[in-house]
Amino acid sequence: MNETELQSKVYEAAISLFNDKGIKFTMDDISKSLGISKKTLYQVISDKEQLLNEMVTYGFDRIKEEEEKILKSDLTLTEKIRQIVIVLPEQYRNIDLRQIRQIREKYPKVYDLVSYRLETGWEVTLMLMQEAIDQGLIRPVSLAIVKAVIEGAFEHFLGSQVLADNQISYREALESMMDLIMNGLLISKGEQT
């Protein structure tokens, strides 16, 4: 196994352990789960903070790969917008992202990277939204405001107890958020009971 393959396996193991144990997973846990020595692990990762930083980058890179698949798909323009905003790669759908709060407390630089990645890379999404506005598919609204609302929701979901307190998964929260953004709160005439 080459170094790149080993790094990917380490990131995947760490993500799985993060989901199970939160920030309390150890480097020993990772080496045991992969059946490798800690010495081998430390050849690719120097410490837990570096690992967390690289996990964030790795995860967001996977999100960008999924966005590319959505862009190339046969989905309608509005469905592409909806899917790109809430995209989570398959292997991350079960991650309890509500545990990101622990990272903010113990590893603020890692949390800053999460925030930075959430706030950047919006060009494709904004382009699709503008295209939908131009085609009359969505109302002409300030895309800066839409972006700020979505970013604010992401930050709140990750940084507060609201999801845990209401037993809502991160995925469910994203889908509800996009439903509100795309469809609003008003009930259409066909939905009234």
N, C-alpha and C. Protein backbone atom coordinates (compact mmCIF):
# COMPACT_ATOMS: atom_id res chain seq x y z
N MET A 1 0.86 -1.17 0.00
CA MET A 1 0.00 0.00 0.00
C MET A 1 0.91 1.24 0.00
N ASN A 2 0.63 2.15 -0.93
CA ASN A 2 1.45 3.37 -0.99
C ASN A 2 0.95 4.39 0.03
N GLU A 3 1.68 5.48 0.18
CA GLU A 3 1.37 6.47 1.21
C GLU A 3 0.01 7.12 1.00
N THR A 4 -0.35 7.40 -0.25
CA THR A 4 -1.65 8.02 -0.53
C THR A 4 -2.79 7.09 -0.15
N GLU A 5 -2.66 5.81 -0.48
CA GLU A 5 -3.69 4.83 -0.11
C GLU A 5 -3.80 4.72 1.41
N LEU A 6 -2.65 4.70 2.08
CA LEU A 6 -2.65 4.60 3.53
C LEU A 6 -3.31 5.84 4.15
N GLN A 7 -3.01 7.02 3.62
CA GLN A 7 -3.64 8.23 4.14
C GLN A 7 -5.15 8.16 3.99
N SER A 8 -5.62 7.73 2.83
CA SER A 8 -7.07 7.61 2.62
C SER A 8 -7.69 6.64 3.61
N LYS A 9 -7.02 5.52 3.84
CA LYS A 9 -7.54 4.54 4.81
C LYS A 9 -7.55 5.12 6.22
N VAL A 10 -6.51 5.88 6.55
CA VAL A 10 -6.45 6.53 7.87
C VAL A 10 -7.60 7.52 8.01
N TYR A 11 -7.86 8.33 7.00
CA TYR A 11 -8.94 9.32 7.06
C TYR A 11 -10.29 8.62 7.22
N GLU A 12 -10.51 7.58 6.43
CA GLU A 12 -11.79 6.86 6.52
C GLU A 12 -11.97 6.23 7.90
N ALA A 13 -10.89 5.63 8.43
CA ALA A 13 -10.96 5.03 9.77
C ALA A 13 -11.23 6.11 10.81
N ALA A 14 -10.55 7.24 10.69
CA ALA A 14 -10.72 8.32 11.65
C ALA A 14 -12.15 8.87 11.59
N ILE A 15 -12.69 8.98 10.40
CA ILE A 15 -14.07 9.47 10.24
C ILE A 15 -15.04 8.50 10.90
N SER A 16 -14.83 7.22 10.69
CA SER A 16 -15.68 6.21 11.31
C SER A 16 -15.58 6.26 12.84
N LEU A 17 -14.35 6.37 13.34
CA LEU A 17 -14.15 6.46 14.78
C LEU A 17 -14.72 7.76 15.35
N PHE A 18 -14.60 8.84 14.61
CA PHE A 18 -15.18 10.12 15.04
C PHE A 18 -16.68 9.98 15.19
N ASN A 19 -17.29 9.26 14.27
CA ASN A 19 -18.73 9.07 14.34
C ASN A 19 -19.11 8.24 15.57
N ASP A 20 -18.29 7.26 15.90
CA ASP A 20 -18.58 6.40 17.05
C ASP A 20 -18.24 7.06 18.39
N LYS A 21 -17.09 7.72 18.45
CA LYS A 21 -16.57 8.20 19.72
C LYS A 21 -16.48 9.71 19.84
N GLY A 22 -16.80 10.42 18.76
CA GLY A 22 -16.57 11.86 18.78
C GLY A 22 -15.09 12.14 18.80
N ILE A 23 -14.72 13.23 19.40
CA ILE A 23 -13.33 13.66 19.41
C ILE A 23 -12.45 12.78 20.31
N LYS A 24 -13.06 11.87 21.04
CA LYS A 24 -12.32 11.04 22.00
C LYS A 24 -11.58 9.87 21.36
N PHE A 25 -11.71 9.68 20.04
CA PHE A 25 -10.95 8.60 19.42
C PHE A 25 -9.46 8.90 19.54
N THR A 26 -8.67 7.85 19.57
CA THR A 26 -7.22 8.02 19.72
C THR A 26 -6.48 7.52 18.49
N MET A 27 -5.23 7.88 18.39
CA MET A 27 -4.39 7.37 17.30
C MET A 27 -4.25 5.85 17.44
N ASP A 28 -4.24 5.37 18.68
CA ASP A 28 -4.19 3.93 18.93
C ASP A 28 -5.43 3.25 18.36
N ASP A 29 -6.59 3.89 18.53
CA ASP A 29 -7.84 3.35 17.96
C ASP A 29 -7.71 3.20 16.44
N ILE A 30 -7.13 4.19 15.81
CA ILE A 30 -6.98 4.16 14.35
C ILE A 30 -6.04 3.03 13.93
N SER A 31 -4.89 2.94 14.58
CA SER A 31 -3.93 1.90 14.20
C SER A 31 -4.53 0.51 14.40
N LYS A 32 -5.27 0.33 15.50
CA LYS A 32 -5.92 -0.97 15.75
C LYS A 32 -6.98 -1.27 14.69
N SER A 33 -7.78 -0.27 14.35
CA SER A 33 -8.86 -0.51 13.37
C SER A 33 -8.31 -0.85 11.99
N LEU A 34 -7.12 -0.34 11.69
CA LEU A 34 -6.51 -0.61 10.38
C LEU A 34 -5.55 -1.80 10.40
N GLY A 35 -5.25 -2.29 11.60
CA GLY A 35 -4.30 -3.40 11.71
C GLY A 35 -2.88 -2.99 11.34
N ILE A 36 -2.54 -1.75 11.68
CA ILE A 36 -1.19 -1.26 11.41
C ILE A 36 -0.57 -0.80 12.73
N SER A 37 0.73 -0.68 12.73
CA SER A 37 1.40 -0.21 13.94
C SER A 37 1.23 1.31 14.06
N LYS A 38 1.38 1.80 15.29
CA LYS A 38 1.34 3.25 15.48
C LYS A 38 2.51 3.91 14.77
N LYS A 39 3.63 3.20 14.68
CA LYS A 39 4.80 3.73 13.98
C LYS A 39 4.44 3.99 12.51
N THR A 40 3.75 3.03 11.89
CA THR A 40 3.32 3.20 10.50
C THR A 40 2.34 4.37 10.39
N LEU A 41 1.42 4.46 11.33
CA LEU A 41 0.45 5.56 11.33
C LEU A 41 1.17 6.91 11.41
N TYR A 42 2.15 6.99 12.29
CA TYR A 42 2.86 8.27 12.47
C TYR A 42 3.80 8.60 11.31
N GLN A 43 3.97 7.68 10.39
CA GLN A 43 4.73 8.00 9.19
C GLN A 43 3.92 8.87 8.23
N VAL A 44 2.59 8.81 8.34
CA VAL A 44 1.74 9.62 7.45
C VAL A 44 1.01 10.73 8.19
N ILE A 45 0.88 10.62 9.51
CA ILE A 45 0.18 11.63 10.32
C ILE A 45 1.04 11.93 11.54
N SER A 46 1.33 13.21 11.77
CA SER A 46 2.21 13.54 12.90
C SER A 46 1.48 13.64 14.23
N ASP A 47 0.23 14.11 14.21
CA ASP A 47 -0.52 14.21 15.46
C ASP A 47 -2.01 14.32 15.15
N LYS A 48 -2.82 14.31 16.20
CA LYS A 48 -4.27 14.30 16.02
C LYS A 48 -4.78 15.57 15.36
N GLU A 49 -4.21 16.71 15.71
CA GLU A 49 -4.68 17.96 15.09
C GLU A 49 -4.41 17.96 13.59
N GLN A 50 -3.24 17.49 13.18
CA GLN A 50 -2.96 17.38 11.75
C GLN A 50 -3.97 16.44 11.09
N LEU A 51 -4.24 15.32 11.75
CA LEU A 51 -5.21 14.36 11.22
C LEU A 51 -6.57 15.01 11.04
N LEU A 52 -7.02 15.74 12.05
CA LEU A 52 -8.34 16.39 11.95
C LEU A 52 -8.36 17.41 10.81
N ASN A 53 -7.30 18.19 10.68
CA ASN A 53 -7.23 19.14 9.56
C ASN A 53 -7.30 18.42 8.22
N GLU A 54 -6.55 17.34 8.10
CA GLU A 54 -6.55 16.60 6.84
C GLU A 54 -7.87 15.89 6.59
N MET A 55 -8.53 15.45 7.67
CA MET A 55 -9.86 14.85 7.53
C MET A 55 -10.85 15.86 6.96
N VAL A 56 -10.78 17.10 7.44
CA VAL A 56 -11.66 18.16 6.95
C VAL A 56 -11.42 18.38 5.46
N THR A 57 -10.16 18.53 5.11
CA THR A 57 -9.82 18.75 3.69
C THR A 57 -10.26 17.56 2.84
N TYR A 58 -9.98 16.37 3.31
CA TYR A 58 -10.37 15.14 2.60
C TYR A 58 -11.89 15.08 2.42
N GLY A 59 -12.62 15.36 3.49
CA GLY A 59 -14.08 15.32 3.42
C GLY A 59 -14.65 16.35 2.45
N PHE A 60 -14.15 17.58 2.51
CA PHE A 60 -14.64 18.62 1.60
C PHE A 60 -14.23 18.33 0.15
N ASP A 61 -13.06 17.71 -0.04
CA ASP A 61 -12.68 17.31 -1.40
C ASP A 61 -13.64 16.26 -1.95
N ARG A 62 -14.10 15.34 -1.10
CA ARG A 62 -15.08 14.33 -1.53
C ARG A 62 -16.41 15.02 -1.88
N ILE A 63 -16.77 16.04 -1.11
CA ILE A 63 -17.99 16.79 -1.40
C ILE A 63 -17.89 17.43 -2.79
N LYS A 64 -16.74 18.02 -3.10
CA LYS A 64 -16.55 18.64 -4.42
C LYS A 64 -16.66 17.59 -5.53
N GLU A 65 -16.15 16.39 -5.29
CA GLU A 65 -16.28 15.32 -6.29
C GLU A 65 -17.75 14.97 -6.52
N GLU A 66 -18.52 14.91 -5.44
CA GLU A 66 -19.95 14.61 -5.56
C GLU A 66 -20.68 15.75 -6.29
N GLU A 67 -20.26 16.99 -6.04
CA GLU A 67 -20.86 18.13 -6.75
C GLU A 67 -20.66 17.98 -8.25
N GLU A 68 -19.46 17.56 -8.66
CA GLU A 68 -19.18 17.37 -10.09
C GLU A 68 -20.12 16.33 -10.69
N LYS A 69 -20.38 15.25 -9.96
CA LYS A 69 -21.30 14.22 -10.45
C LYS A 69 -22.70 14.79 -10.62
N ILE A 70 -23.13 15.60 -9.66
CA ILE A 70 -24.45 16.22 -9.74
C ILE A 70 -24.54 17.15 -10.94
N LEU A 71 -23.50 17.95 -11.16
CA LEU A 71 -23.48 18.87 -12.30
C LEU A 71 -23.62 18.14 -13.63
N LYS A 72 -23.00 16.96 -13.73
CA LYS A 72 -23.01 16.20 -14.97
C LYS A 72 -24.26 15.34 -15.12
N SER A 73 -25.09 15.32 -14.09
CA SER A 73 -26.27 14.45 -14.10
C SER A 73 -27.38 15.04 -14.97
N ASP A 74 -28.45 14.27 -15.14
CA ASP A 74 -29.61 14.70 -15.91
C ASP A 74 -30.67 15.38 -15.05
N LEU A 75 -30.33 15.71 -13.80
CA LEU A 75 -31.29 16.38 -12.93
C LEU A 75 -31.71 17.73 -13.51
N THR A 76 -32.89 18.18 -13.11
CA THR A 76 -33.32 19.53 -13.51
C THR A 76 -32.42 20.55 -12.83
N LEU A 77 -32.42 21.76 -13.32
CA LEU A 77 -31.59 22.81 -12.76
C LEU A 77 -31.91 23.04 -11.29
N THR A 78 -33.18 23.10 -10.93
CA THR A 78 -33.54 23.34 -9.53
C THR A 78 -33.16 22.16 -8.65
N GLU A 79 -33.27 20.96 -9.17
CA GLU A 79 -32.87 19.79 -8.38
C GLU A 79 -31.35 19.75 -8.22
N LYS A 80 -30.61 20.18 -9.23
CA LYS A 80 -29.15 20.28 -9.09
C LYS A 80 -28.79 21.25 -7.98
N ILE A 81 -29.47 22.39 -7.93
CA ILE A 81 -29.20 23.38 -6.88
C ILE A 81 -29.45 22.75 -5.51
N ARG A 82 -30.60 22.15 -5.37
CA ARG A 82 -30.98 21.52 -4.10
C ARG A 82 -29.94 20.47 -3.68
N GLN A 83 -29.55 19.62 -4.62
CA GLN A 83 -28.62 18.53 -4.30
C GLN A 83 -27.20 19.03 -4.03
N ILE A 84 -26.75 20.03 -4.76
CA ILE A 84 -25.39 20.53 -4.56
C ILE A 84 -25.25 21.20 -3.19
N VAL A 85 -26.27 21.93 -2.76
CA VAL A 85 -26.17 22.61 -1.47
C VAL A 85 -26.10 21.60 -0.32
N ILE A 86 -26.79 20.49 -0.43
CA ILE A 86 -26.84 19.54 0.69
C ILE A 86 -26.02 18.28 0.46
N VAL A 87 -25.16 18.30 -0.55
CA VAL A 87 -24.43 17.10 -0.91
C VAL A 87 -23.57 16.59 0.25
N LEU A 88 -23.67 15.30 0.48
CA LEU A 88 -22.79 14.58 1.39
C LEU A 88 -22.44 13.28 0.68
N PRO A 89 -21.16 12.99 0.51
CA PRO A 89 -20.80 11.72 -0.11
C PRO A 89 -21.39 10.55 0.68
N GLU A 90 -21.68 9.47 -0.01
CA GLU A 90 -22.33 8.31 0.59
C GLU A 90 -21.66 7.86 1.89
N GLN A 91 -20.33 7.80 1.88
CA GLN A 91 -19.63 7.30 3.06
C GLN A 91 -19.72 8.24 4.26
N TYR A 92 -20.22 9.48 4.06
CA TYR A 92 -20.32 10.44 5.15
C TYR A 92 -21.76 10.66 5.61
N ARG A 93 -22.70 9.98 5.01
CA ARG A 93 -24.09 10.26 5.34
C ARG A 93 -24.46 9.89 6.76
N ASN A 94 -23.73 8.95 7.35
CA ASN A 94 -24.04 8.54 8.72
C ASN A 94 -23.20 9.23 9.77
N ILE A 95 -22.34 10.13 9.34
CA ILE A 95 -21.50 10.84 10.30
C ILE A 95 -22.35 11.77 11.14
N ASP A 96 -22.09 11.76 12.42
CA ASP A 96 -22.80 12.65 13.32
C ASP A 96 -22.07 13.98 13.34
N LEU A 97 -22.37 14.83 12.39
CA LEU A 97 -21.69 16.12 12.27
C LEU A 97 -22.03 17.06 13.43
N ARG A 98 -23.03 16.67 14.22
CA ARG A 98 -23.34 17.48 15.39
C ARG A 98 -22.17 17.48 16.37
N GLN A 99 -21.27 16.49 16.24
CA GLN A 99 -20.13 16.41 17.14
C GLN A 99 -19.03 17.41 16.78
N ILE A 100 -19.23 18.15 15.72
CA ILE A 100 -18.27 19.19 15.33
C ILE A 100 -18.09 20.20 16.47
N ARG A 101 -19.11 20.36 17.29
CA ARG A 101 -19.00 21.28 18.42
C ARG A 101 -17.80 20.94 19.30
N GLN A 102 -17.54 19.66 19.47
CA GLN A 102 -16.38 19.23 20.27
C GLN A 102 -15.09 19.74 19.65
N ILE A 103 -15.03 19.73 18.34
CA ILE A 103 -13.81 20.20 17.66
C ILE A 103 -13.63 21.69 17.92
N ARG A 104 -14.71 22.45 17.87
CA ARG A 104 -14.60 23.89 18.10
C ARG A 104 -14.00 24.18 19.46
N GLU A 105 -14.36 23.38 20.45
CA GLU A 105 -13.87 23.60 21.81
C GLU A 105 -12.41 23.16 21.98
N LYS A 106 -12.04 22.01 21.43
CA LYS A 106 -10.70 21.46 21.66
C LYS A 106 -9.68 21.80 20.59
N TYR A 107 -10.15 21.98 19.37
CA TYR A 107 -9.26 22.25 18.23
C TYR A 107 -9.81 23.43 17.42
N PRO A 108 -9.74 24.64 17.95
CA PRO A 108 -10.35 25.78 17.27
C PRO A 108 -9.81 26.03 15.87
N LYS A 109 -8.54 25.73 15.61
CA LYS A 109 -7.99 25.94 14.27
C LYS A 109 -8.63 24.98 13.26
N VAL A 110 -8.93 23.78 13.70
CA VAL A 110 -9.61 22.82 12.83
C VAL A 110 -11.02 23.31 12.54
N TYR A 111 -11.69 23.81 13.57
CA TYR A 111 -13.04 24.34 13.38
C TYR A 111 -13.02 25.54 12.43
N ASP A 112 -11.98 26.37 12.55
CA ASP A 112 -11.85 27.51 11.63
C ASP A 112 -11.73 27.02 10.19
N LEU A 113 -11.04 25.90 9.98
CA LEU A 113 -10.93 25.33 8.63
C LEU A 113 -12.29 24.85 8.14
N VAL A 114 -13.07 24.21 9.01
CA VAL A 114 -14.43 23.79 8.64
C VAL A 114 -15.23 25.02 8.22
N SER A 115 -15.18 26.07 9.03
CA SER A 115 -15.93 27.29 8.72
C SER A 115 -15.48 27.89 7.38
N TYR A 116 -14.17 27.93 7.18
CA TYR A 116 -13.63 28.47 5.93
C TYR A 116 -14.14 27.66 4.73
N ARG A 117 -14.10 26.35 4.84
CA ARG A 117 -14.54 25.51 3.73
C ARG A 117 -16.03 25.65 3.47
N LEU A 118 -16.82 25.89 4.53
CA LEU A 118 -18.25 26.11 4.35
C LEU A 118 -18.54 27.44 3.66
N GLU A 119 -17.66 28.42 3.88
CA GLU A 119 -17.89 29.76 3.36
C GLU A 119 -17.30 29.97 1.97
N THR A 120 -16.51 29.05 1.47
CA THR A 120 -15.86 29.21 0.17
C THR A 120 -16.35 28.12 -0.79
N GLY A 121 -16.01 28.28 -2.05
CA GLY A 121 -16.37 27.28 -3.05
C GLY A 121 -17.82 27.34 -3.51
N TRP A 122 -18.42 28.51 -3.41
CA TRP A 122 -19.83 28.68 -3.76
C TRP A 122 -20.04 29.06 -5.21
N GLU A 123 -18.99 29.21 -5.99
CA GLU A 123 -19.13 29.74 -7.34
C GLU A 123 -20.12 28.94 -8.20
N VAL A 124 -20.00 27.63 -8.19
CA VAL A 124 -20.87 26.79 -9.01
C VAL A 124 -22.32 26.91 -8.56
N THR A 125 -22.53 26.86 -7.25
CA THR A 125 -23.89 26.96 -6.72
C THR A 125 -24.52 28.29 -7.09
N LEU A 126 -23.77 29.35 -6.91
CA LEU A 126 -24.30 30.69 -7.23
C LEU A 126 -24.56 30.84 -8.73
N MET A 127 -23.70 30.24 -9.54
CA MET A 127 -23.91 30.27 -10.99
C MET A 127 -25.21 29.55 -11.36
N LEU A 128 -25.44 28.39 -10.75
CA LEU A 128 -26.67 27.65 -11.02
C LEU A 128 -27.90 28.44 -10.56
N MET A 129 -27.79 29.07 -9.40
CA MET A 129 -28.91 29.87 -8.90
C MET A 129 -29.19 31.05 -9.83
N GLN A 130 -28.15 31.69 -10.30
CA GLN A 130 -28.34 32.81 -11.23
C GLN A 130 -28.98 32.32 -12.53
N GLU A 131 -28.55 31.16 -13.01
CA GLU A 131 -29.14 30.57 -14.21
C GLU A 131 -30.63 30.30 -13.99
N ALA A 132 -30.97 29.79 -12.80
CA ALA A 132 -32.38 29.51 -12.48
C ALA A 132 -33.18 30.81 -12.41
N ILE A 133 -32.59 31.86 -11.89
CA ILE A 133 -33.25 33.17 -11.87
C ILE A 133 -33.48 33.65 -13.30
N ASP A 134 -32.43 33.57 -14.12
CA ASP A 134 -32.52 34.01 -15.51
C ASP A 134 -33.58 33.25 -16.29
N GLN A 135 -33.78 31.98 -15.95
CA GLN A 135 -34.78 31.15 -16.63
C GLN A 135 -36.17 31.28 -16.01
N GLY A 136 -36.29 32.09 -14.96
CA GLY A 136 -37.59 32.27 -14.31
C GLY A 136 -38.00 31.08 -13.45
N LEU A 137 -37.04 30.26 -13.04
CA LEU A 137 -37.36 29.08 -12.23
C LEU A 137 -37.40 29.40 -10.74
N ILE A 138 -36.64 30.40 -10.34
CA ILE A 138 -36.70 30.87 -8.96
C ILE A 138 -36.80 32.39 -8.97
N ARG A 139 -37.34 32.93 -7.90
CA ARG A 139 -37.53 34.38 -7.83
C ARG A 139 -36.20 35.11 -7.85
N PRO A 140 -36.19 36.31 -8.41
CA PRO A 140 -34.95 37.10 -8.40
C PRO A 140 -34.68 37.64 -6.99
N VAL A 141 -33.80 36.98 -6.28
CA VAL A 141 -33.44 37.37 -4.92
C VAL A 141 -31.94 37.62 -4.87
N SER A 142 -31.50 38.26 -3.81
CA SER A 142 -30.08 38.49 -3.63
C SER A 142 -29.40 37.15 -3.32
N LEU A 143 -28.51 36.75 -4.20
CA LEU A 143 -27.80 35.48 -3.98
C LEU A 143 -26.85 35.59 -2.79
N ALA A 144 -26.38 36.78 -2.50
CA ALA A 144 -25.53 36.98 -1.32
C ALA A 144 -26.33 36.66 -0.06
N ILE A 145 -27.61 37.05 -0.04
CA ILE A 145 -28.46 36.76 1.12
C ILE A 145 -28.75 35.27 1.21
N VAL A 146 -29.05 34.63 0.09
CA VAL A 146 -29.31 33.19 0.08
C VAL A 146 -28.09 32.45 0.62
N LYS A 147 -26.91 32.83 0.13
CA LYS A 147 -25.66 32.21 0.58
C LYS A 147 -25.48 32.41 2.08
N ALA A 148 -25.72 33.63 2.56
CA ALA A 148 -25.56 33.92 3.99
C ALA A 148 -26.53 33.10 4.84
N VAL A 149 -27.76 32.94 4.37
CA VAL A 149 -28.76 32.16 5.09
C VAL A 149 -28.31 30.70 5.18
N ILE A 150 -27.86 30.15 4.07
CA ILE A 150 -27.42 28.75 4.06
C ILE A 150 -26.19 28.57 4.94
N GLU A 151 -25.21 29.46 4.80
CA GLU A 151 -24.01 29.37 5.64
C GLU A 151 -24.38 29.48 7.12
N GLY A 152 -25.27 30.40 7.44
CA GLY A 152 -25.71 30.56 8.83
C GLY A 152 -26.37 29.31 9.36
N ALA A 153 -27.18 28.67 8.53
CA ALA A 153 -27.81 27.42 8.95
C ALA A 153 -26.76 26.34 9.18
N PHE A 154 -25.80 26.20 8.24
CA PHE A 154 -24.73 25.22 8.41
C PHE A 154 -24.02 25.44 9.75
N GLU A 155 -23.61 26.68 9.98
CA GLU A 155 -22.87 27.01 11.21
C GLU A 155 -23.71 26.69 12.45
N HIS A 156 -24.99 27.03 12.40
CA HIS A 156 -25.85 26.77 13.55
C HIS A 156 -26.04 25.27 13.77
N PHE A 157 -26.26 24.53 12.70
CA PHE A 157 -26.41 23.09 12.83
C PHE A 157 -25.17 22.46 13.46
N LEU A 158 -23.99 22.92 13.04
CA LEU A 158 -22.75 22.33 13.52
C LEU A 158 -22.35 22.84 14.90
N GLY A 159 -22.75 24.06 15.24
CA GLY A 159 -22.24 24.67 16.45
C GLY A 159 -23.19 24.72 17.62
N SER A 160 -24.38 24.18 17.48
CA SER A 160 -25.34 24.25 18.58
C SER A 160 -25.90 22.85 18.87
N GLN A 161 -26.73 22.80 19.87
CA GLN A 161 -27.35 21.54 20.29
C GLN A 161 -28.70 21.30 19.61
N VAL A 162 -29.13 22.20 18.74
CA VAL A 162 -30.49 22.14 18.21
C VAL A 162 -30.80 20.79 17.56
N LEU A 163 -29.86 20.22 16.82
CA LEU A 163 -30.13 18.94 16.16
C LEU A 163 -30.19 17.81 17.18
N ALA A 164 -29.24 17.79 18.09
CA ALA A 164 -29.21 16.74 19.11
C ALA A 164 -30.44 16.82 20.01
N ASP A 165 -30.79 18.04 20.42
CA ASP A 165 -31.94 18.21 21.31
C ASP A 165 -33.24 17.77 20.66
N ASN A 166 -33.31 17.87 19.34
CA ASN A 166 -34.54 17.51 18.62
C ASN A 166 -34.42 16.19 17.86
N GLN A 167 -33.33 15.47 18.10
CA GLN A 167 -33.07 14.17 17.47
C GLN A 167 -33.23 14.24 15.95
N ILE A 168 -32.56 15.23 15.37
CA ILE A 168 -32.59 15.43 13.92
C ILE A 168 -31.19 15.18 13.40
N SER A 169 -31.07 14.35 12.38
CA SER A 169 -29.76 14.11 11.79
C SER A 169 -29.34 15.33 10.98
N TYR A 170 -28.05 15.43 10.75
CA TYR A 170 -27.54 16.54 9.95
C TYR A 170 -28.15 16.49 8.55
N ARG A 171 -28.25 15.30 7.99
CA ARG A 171 -28.83 15.13 6.65
C ARG A 171 -30.29 15.61 6.63
N GLU A 172 -31.07 15.22 7.64
CA GLU A 172 -32.47 15.66 7.72
C GLU A 172 -32.56 17.17 7.84
N ALA A 173 -31.64 17.76 8.62
CA ALA A 173 -31.64 19.21 8.78
C ALA A 173 -31.34 19.89 7.46
N LEU A 174 -30.38 19.37 6.70
CA LEU A 174 -30.04 19.96 5.41
C LEU A 174 -31.22 19.88 4.45
N GLU A 175 -31.88 18.72 4.42
CA GLU A 175 -33.02 18.56 3.52
C GLU A 175 -34.17 19.50 3.90
N SER A 176 -34.43 19.65 5.19
CA SER A 176 -35.49 20.57 5.63
C SER A 176 -35.13 22.01 5.30
N MET A 177 -33.86 22.37 5.51
CA MET A 177 -33.41 23.72 5.19
C MET A 177 -33.63 24.01 3.70
N MET A 178 -33.23 23.08 2.84
CA MET A 178 -33.39 23.31 1.40
C MET A 178 -34.85 23.33 0.99
N ASP A 179 -35.67 22.53 1.65
CA ASP A 179 -37.10 22.58 1.37
C ASP A 179 -37.66 23.96 1.70
N LEU A 180 -37.25 24.51 2.84
CA LEU A 180 -37.69 25.86 3.21
C LEU A 180 -37.19 26.91 2.22
N ILE A 181 -35.93 26.78 1.81
CA ILE A 181 -35.37 27.77 0.88
C ILE A 181 -36.04 27.67 -0.49
N MET A 182 -36.22 26.46 -0.97
CA MET A 182 -36.76 26.28 -2.32
C MET A 182 -38.28 26.43 -2.37
N ASN A 183 -38.98 26.05 -1.29
CA ASN A 183 -40.45 26.03 -1.33
C ASN A 183 -41.11 27.01 -0.36
N GLY A 184 -40.35 27.53 0.60
CA GLY A 184 -40.91 28.47 1.56
C GLY A 184 -41.77 27.79 2.62
N LEU A 185 -42.40 28.61 3.44
CA LEU A 185 -43.24 28.11 4.52
C LEU A 185 -44.71 27.97 4.12
N LEU A 186 -45.11 28.71 3.11
CA LEU A 186 -46.53 28.70 2.74
C LEU A 186 -46.92 27.37 2.10
N ILE A 187 -48.10 26.95 2.42
CA ILE A 187 -48.65 25.72 1.84
C ILE A 187 -49.30 26.09 0.50
N SER A 188 -48.94 25.34 -0.53
CA SER A 188 -49.58 25.61 -1.81
C SER A 188 -51.02 25.09 -1.77
N LYS A 189 -51.84 25.59 -2.67
CA LYS A 189 -53.26 25.22 -2.67
C LYS A 189 -53.46 23.71 -2.74
N GLY A 190 -52.61 22.99 -3.47
CA GLY A 190 -52.75 21.54 -3.59
C GLY A 190 -52.38 20.79 -2.33
N GLU A 191 -51.63 21.43 -1.42
CA GLU A 191 -51.20 20.77 -0.19
C GLU A 191 -52.12 21.03 0.99
N GLN A 192 -53.03 21.99 0.86
CA GLN A 192 -53.89 22.34 2.01
C GLN A 192 -54.79 21.19 2.37
N THR A 193 -54.98 21.04 3.69
CA THR A 193 -55.85 19.95 4.16
C THR A 193 -57.15 20.47 4.71
